[in-house]
Amino acid sequence: MSGKRAMIAGDHLFSESGRFDGMIGGDVVVAEGVELTLHGLVNGDLLIRAGAIVKLGAMVGGAVINKGGTVLTI
């Protein structure tokens, strides 16, 4: 997302691999098997499902809950 940061007002489910740079107003779930690079701000909790890979460069206002995935801080 070039030049402009994305904004999601509520909760969000990432069900496909990719990159997100912006603000999410609620909780985030990263689905099983998804590889996500996440920058910006998550106001709620971040839940990582089994087999997911999250490259985390975002601030998380709530808890990071890892249910069998991989979290790499960048």
Protein backbone atom coordinates (compact mmCIF):
# COMPACT_ATOMS: atom_id res chain seq x y z
CA MET A 1 0.00 0.00 0.00
CA SER A 2 2.08 2.84 -1.26
CA GLY A 3 1.94 6.34 0.14
CA LYS A 4 -1.21 5.89 2.21
CA ARG A 5 -1.75 3.78 5.29
CA ALA A 6 -4.78 1.53 5.42
CA MET A 7 -7.38 1.83 8.17
CA ILE A 8 -9.82 -0.84 9.35
CA ALA A 9 -12.35 0.37 11.92
CA GLY A 10 -13.18 -2.90 13.67
CA ASP A 11 -11.98 -6.50 13.97
CA HIS A 12 -10.25 -8.18 11.03
CA LEU A 13 -9.42 -11.71 9.87
CA PHE A 14 -6.38 -12.18 7.64
CA SER A 15 -7.18 -15.30 5.62
CA GLU A 16 -4.62 -14.77 2.84
CA SER A 17 -0.87 -14.20 2.98
CA GLY A 18 0.41 -10.68 2.39
CA ARG A 19 1.42 -7.41 4.00
CA PHE A 20 -0.57 -4.83 5.95
CA ASP A 21 0.62 -1.37 6.96
CA GLY A 22 -1.89 0.74 8.84
CA MET A 23 -4.29 0.81 11.77
CA ILE A 24 -6.81 -1.78 12.87
CA GLY A 25 -9.30 -0.57 15.44
CA GLY A 26 -10.21 -3.95 16.93
CA ASP A 27 -8.89 -7.48 17.29
CA VAL A 28 -6.92 -9.29 14.58
CA VAL A 29 -6.94 -13.00 13.76
CA VAL A 30 -4.31 -14.49 11.44
CA ALA A 31 -5.72 -17.70 9.99
CA GLU A 32 -3.95 -21.06 9.89
CA GLY A 33 -1.24 -21.24 7.24
CA VAL A 34 -1.21 -17.49 6.49
CA GLU A 35 2.09 -15.59 6.30
CA LEU A 36 1.58 -11.93 7.20
CA THR A 37 3.93 -8.97 7.52
CA LEU A 38 2.18 -6.53 9.85
CA HIS A 39 3.19 -2.89 10.40
CA GLY A 40 1.32 -0.06 12.09
CA LEU A 41 -1.07 -0.41 15.02
CA VAL A 42 -3.51 -3.04 16.27
CA ASN A 43 -5.72 -1.53 18.99
CA GLY A 44 -7.03 -4.89 20.22
CA ASP A 45 -5.62 -8.40 20.58
CA LEU A 46 -3.59 -10.25 17.95
CA LEU A 47 -4.47 -13.95 17.68
CA ILE A 48 -2.15 -16.15 15.63
CA ARG A 49 -3.57 -19.54 14.63
CA ALA A 50 -1.52 -22.75 14.30
CA GLY A 51 0.77 -22.77 11.28
CA ALA A 52 0.53 -19.01 10.68
CA ILE A 53 3.68 -16.88 10.45
CA VAL A 54 3.51 -13.24 11.51
CA LYS A 55 6.39 -10.84 10.91
CA LEU A 56 5.43 -8.27 13.51
CA GLY A 57 6.53 -4.68 13.17
CA ALA A 58 3.30 -3.26 14.61
CA MET A 59 2.37 -1.99 18.04
CA VAL A 60 -0.31 -4.16 19.64
CA GLY A 61 -2.55 -2.49 22.22
CA GLY A 62 -3.94 -5.77 23.57
CA ALA A 63 -2.45 -9.23 24.02
CA VAL A 64 -0.52 -11.27 21.47
CA ILE A 65 -2.07 -14.75 21.67
CA ASN A 66 -0.10 -17.42 19.87
CA LYS A 67 -2.05 -20.65 19.27
CA GLY A 68 0.80 -22.57 17.60
CA GLY A 69 2.04 -20.14 14.97
CA THR A 70 5.35 -18.32 14.60
CA VAL A 71 5.91 -14.68 15.56
CA LEU A 72 9.00 -12.88 14.32
CA THR A 73 9.60 -9.31 15.48
CA ILE A 74 10.95 -7.00 12.83
